[in-house]
Amino acid sequence: MSTNPRYANGNRRRNHRARFKAMDAPCGICRGALGPIHYDEPSDAQHPLSFVIDEIRPVSKWRQFGYDSAKAAAADWTNLQAAHYCCNQRKGNKVNFSGIAPQMPQKVKELETDGDW
């Protein structure tokens, strides 16, 4: 049975989460295009702007990036960034993913009138 390398060292992961929250870091994927991260919401699909930690270089590809193990990739502070839940889901395990921010609805421009009718 394999364990998730992200949580193999739970204390370190909790410290990373606390550090990002204290920094009030913006989403490293959409660069804040969707607004601020909701740090106090549960991280799940019901809260798409909630906080998750994203591995810039995916843990699943740890060998490709020269890490000694998946656990090492998950623990490397320079490989981590704060992200919205929805941005992280769209990115998946892609590398150099761009164009992550979905189109935000545009405000409907009020129609101009040519006078009182």
C-alpha atoms as a PDB file:
ATOM      1  CA  MET A   1       0.000   0.000   0.000  1.00  0.00           C
ATOM      2  CA  SER A   2       1.497   3.349  -1.015  1.00  0.00           C
ATOM      3  CA  THR A   3       1.049   6.492   1.012  1.00  0.00           C
ATOM      4  CA  ASN A   4       0.444   9.954  -0.313  1.00  0.00           C
ATOM      5  CA  PRO A   5       3.850  11.709  -0.316  1.00  0.00           C
ATOM      6  CA  ARG A   6       2.145  15.040   0.381  1.00  0.00           C
ATOM      7  CA  TYR A   7       1.089  13.871   3.813  1.00  0.00           C
ATOM      8  CA  ALA A   8       3.987  11.557   4.659  1.00  0.00           C
ATOM      9  CA  ASN A   9       5.299  14.417   6.788  1.00  0.00           C
ATOM     10  CA  GLY A  10       2.064  15.971   8.026  1.00  0.00           C
ATOM     11  CA  ASN A  11       3.755  18.423  10.387  1.00  0.00           C
ATOM     12  CA  ARG A  12       5.846  19.937   7.581  1.00  0.00           C
ATOM     13  CA  ARG A  13       2.766  20.175   5.352  1.00  0.00           C
ATOM     14  CA  ARG A  14       0.790  21.929   8.115  1.00  0.00           C
ATOM     15  CA  ASN A  15       3.671  24.385   8.543  1.00  0.00           C
ATOM     16  CA  HIS A  16       3.690  25.109   4.799  1.00  0.00           C
ATOM     17  CA  ARG A  17      -0.082  25.693   4.856  1.00  0.00           C
ATOM     18  CA  ALA A  18       0.247  28.050   7.838  1.00  0.00           C
ATOM     19  CA  ARG A  19       3.074  29.942   6.122  1.00  0.00           C
ATOM     20  CA  PHE A  20       1.077  30.530   2.925  1.00  0.00           C
ATOM     21  CA  LYS A  21      -1.941  31.620   4.954  1.00  0.00           C
ATOM     22  CA  ALA A  22       0.169  34.049   7.031  1.00  0.00           C
ATOM     23  CA  MET A  23       1.603  35.493   3.804  1.00  0.00           C
ATOM     24  CA  ASP A  24      -1.941  35.820   2.377  1.00  0.00           C
ATOM     25  CA  ALA A  25      -0.329  34.553  -0.820  1.00  0.00           C
ATOM     26  CA  PRO A  26      -2.263  34.963  -4.086  1.00  0.00           C
ATOM     27  CA  CYS A  27      -3.020  32.005  -6.336  1.00  0.00           C
ATOM     28  CA  GLY A  28       0.196  31.061  -8.117  1.00  0.00           C
ATOM     29  CA  ILE A  29      -1.734  29.584 -11.032  1.00  0.00           C
ATOM     30  CA  CYS A  30      -4.215  32.306 -12.043  1.00  0.00           C
ATOM     31  CA  ARG A  31      -2.072  35.044 -10.431  1.00  0.00           C
ATOM     32  CA  GLY A  32      -5.135  36.413  -8.638  1.00  0.00           C
ATOM     33  CA  ALA A  33      -7.373  36.717 -11.702  1.00  0.00           C
ATOM     34  CA  LEU A  34     -10.180  34.937  -9.835  1.00  0.00           C
ATOM     35  CA  GLY A  35      -9.700  37.070  -6.739  1.00  0.00           C
ATOM     36  CA  PRO A  36      -8.202  36.286  -3.364  1.00  0.00           C
ATOM     37  CA  ILE A  37      -7.885  32.787  -1.988  1.00  0.00           C
ATOM     38  CA  HIS A  38     -10.482  31.972   0.664  1.00  0.00           C
ATOM     39  CA  TYR A  39      -8.100  30.586   3.255  1.00  0.00           C
ATOM     40  CA  ASP A  40     -10.743  29.829   5.871  1.00  0.00           C
ATOM     41  CA  GLU A  41     -13.035  27.697   3.712  1.00  0.00           C
ATOM     42  CA  PRO A  42     -12.804  23.903   3.442  1.00  0.00           C
ATOM     43  CA  SER A  43     -10.736  22.803   0.438  1.00  0.00           C
ATOM     44  CA  ASP A  44     -13.294  21.065  -1.742  1.00  0.00           C
ATOM     45  CA  ALA A  45     -15.395  21.433  -4.880  1.00  0.00           C
ATOM     46  CA  GLN A  46     -18.126  23.228  -2.929  1.00  0.00           C
ATOM     47  CA  HIS A  47     -15.612  26.030  -2.269  1.00  0.00           C
ATOM     48  CA  PRO A  48     -13.795  26.588  -5.586  1.00  0.00           C
ATOM     49  CA  LEU A  49     -11.804  29.591  -4.323  1.00  0.00           C
ATOM     50  CA  SER A  50     -10.591  27.755  -1.213  1.00  0.00           C
ATOM     51  CA  PHE A  51      -6.914  27.188  -0.482  1.00  0.00           C
ATOM     52  CA  VAL A  52      -4.789  24.257  -1.595  1.00  0.00           C
ATOM     53  CA  ILE A  53      -1.054  23.848  -1.968  1.00  0.00           C
ATOM     54  CA  ASP A  54      -0.003  23.291  -5.570  1.00  0.00           C
ATOM     55  CA  GLU A  55       3.233  21.580  -6.516  1.00  0.00           C
ATOM     56  CA  ILE A  56       4.701  23.633  -9.348  1.00  0.00           C
ATOM     57  CA  ARG A  57       6.594  20.596 -10.616  1.00  0.00           C
ATOM     58  CA  PRO A  58       4.097  17.739 -10.125  1.00  0.00           C
ATOM     59  CA  VAL A  59       4.908  15.142  -7.493  1.00  0.00           C
ATOM     60  CA  SER A  60       3.820  12.457  -9.954  1.00  0.00           C
ATOM     61  CA  LYS A  61       6.747  13.477 -12.190  1.00  0.00           C
ATOM     62  CA  TRP A  62       9.381  13.685  -9.442  1.00  0.00           C
ATOM     63  CA  ARG A  63      11.983  11.680 -11.395  1.00  0.00           C
ATOM     64  CA  GLN A  64      11.720  14.039 -14.370  1.00  0.00           C
ATOM     65  CA  PHE A  65      12.735  16.944 -12.124  1.00  0.00           C
ATOM     66  CA  GLY A  66      15.629  15.232 -10.366  1.00  0.00           C
ATOM     67  CA  TYR A  67      14.093  14.710  -6.938  1.00  0.00           C
ATOM     68  CA  ASP A  68      15.258  11.739  -4.869  1.00  0.00           C
ATOM     69  CA  SER A  69      11.650  10.740  -4.179  1.00  0.00           C
ATOM     70  CA  ALA A  70       8.038  11.855  -4.483  1.00  0.00           C
ATOM     71  CA  LYS A  71       8.189  12.804  -0.801  1.00  0.00           C
ATOM     72  CA  ALA A  72      11.136  15.122  -1.513  1.00  0.00           C
ATOM     73  CA  ALA A  73       9.182  16.840  -4.311  1.00  0.00           C
ATOM     74  CA  ALA A  74       6.169  17.303  -2.025  1.00  0.00           C
ATOM     75  CA  ALA A  75       8.299  18.754   0.790  1.00  0.00           C
ATOM     76  CA  ASP A  76      10.418  21.180  -1.270  1.00  0.00           C
ATOM     77  CA  TRP A  77       9.299  24.709  -0.307  1.00  0.00           C
ATOM     78  CA  THR A  78      10.561  26.087  -3.652  1.00  0.00           C
ATOM     79  CA  ASN A  79       8.232  23.656  -5.443  1.00  0.00           C
ATOM     80  CA  LEU A  80       5.105  24.861  -3.647  1.00  0.00           C
ATOM     81  CA  GLN A  81       2.664  27.682  -4.226  1.00  0.00           C
ATOM     82  CA  ALA A  82      -0.717  28.687  -2.873  1.00  0.00           C
ATOM     83  CA  ALA A  83      -3.601  28.055  -5.250  1.00  0.00           C
ATOM     84  CA  HIS A  84      -7.371  28.139  -5.545  1.00  0.00           C
ATOM     85  CA  TYR A  85      -8.977  24.711  -5.417  1.00  0.00           C
ATOM     86  CA  CYS A  86     -10.522  25.212  -8.880  1.00  0.00           C
ATOM     87  CA  CYS A  87      -7.250  26.384 -10.472  1.00  0.00           C
ATOM     88  CA  ASN A  88      -5.376  23.417  -9.041  1.00  0.00           C
ATOM     89  CA  GLN A  89      -8.028  21.023 -10.347  1.00  0.00           C
ATOM     90  CA  ARG A  90      -7.756  22.478 -13.852  1.00  0.00           C
ATOM     91  CA  LYS A  91      -3.958  22.363 -13.797  1.00  0.00           C
ATOM     92  CA  GLY A  92      -3.770  18.748 -12.657  1.00  0.00           C
ATOM     93  CA  ASN A  93      -0.241  17.377 -13.103  1.00  0.00           C
ATOM     94  CA  LYS A  94       0.623  19.560 -16.075  1.00  0.00           C
ATOM     95  CA  VAL A  95       3.872  21.503 -16.186  1.00  0.00           C
ATOM     96  CA  ASN A  96       4.049  25.138 -17.390  1.00  0.00           C
ATOM     97  CA  PHE A  97       0.276  25.303 -17.540  1.00  0.00           C
ATOM     98  CA  SER A  98      -0.904  28.697 -18.763  1.00  0.00           C
ATOM     99  CA  GLY A  99      -4.262  30.225 -19.452  1.00  0.00           C
ATOM    100  CA  ILE A 100      -5.635  28.698 -16.294  1.00  0.00           C
ATOM    101  CA  ALA A 101      -8.067  31.436 -15.374  1.00  0.00           C
ATOM    102  CA  PRO A 102     -11.498  30.684 -16.768  1.00  0.00           C
ATOM    103  CA  GLN A 103     -13.328  33.525 -18.406  1.00  0.00           C
ATOM    104  CA  MET A 104     -14.967  35.595 -15.755  1.00  0.00           C
ATOM    105  CA  PRO A 105     -18.456  36.807 -16.596  1.00  0.00           C
ATOM    106  CA  GLN A 106     -18.318  40.321 -17.916  1.00  0.00           C
ATOM    107  CA  LYS A 107     -20.606  42.910 -16.421  1.00  0.00           C
ATOM    108  CA  VAL A 108     -23.379  43.747 -18.790  1.00  0.00           C
ATOM    109  CA  LYS A 109     -22.976  47.284 -19.950  1.00  0.00           C
ATOM    110  CA  GLU A 110     -26.059  49.335 -19.286  1.00  0.00           C
ATOM    111  CA  LEU A 111     -27.784  50.384 -22.441  1.00  0.00           C
ATOM    112  CA  GLU A 112     -27.518  54.044 -23.217  1.00  0.00           C
ATOM    113  CA  THR A 113     -30.716  55.821 -24.014  1.00  0.00           C
ATOM    114  CA  ASP A 114     -31.240  58.839 -26.167  1.00  0.00           C
ATOM    115  CA  GLY A 115     -33.555  60.525 -23.713  1.00  0.00           C
ATOM    116  CA  ASP A 116     -36.649  59.967 -21.630  1.00  0.00           C
ATOM    117  CA  TRP A 117     -39.432  58.093 -23.330  1.00  0.00           C
END
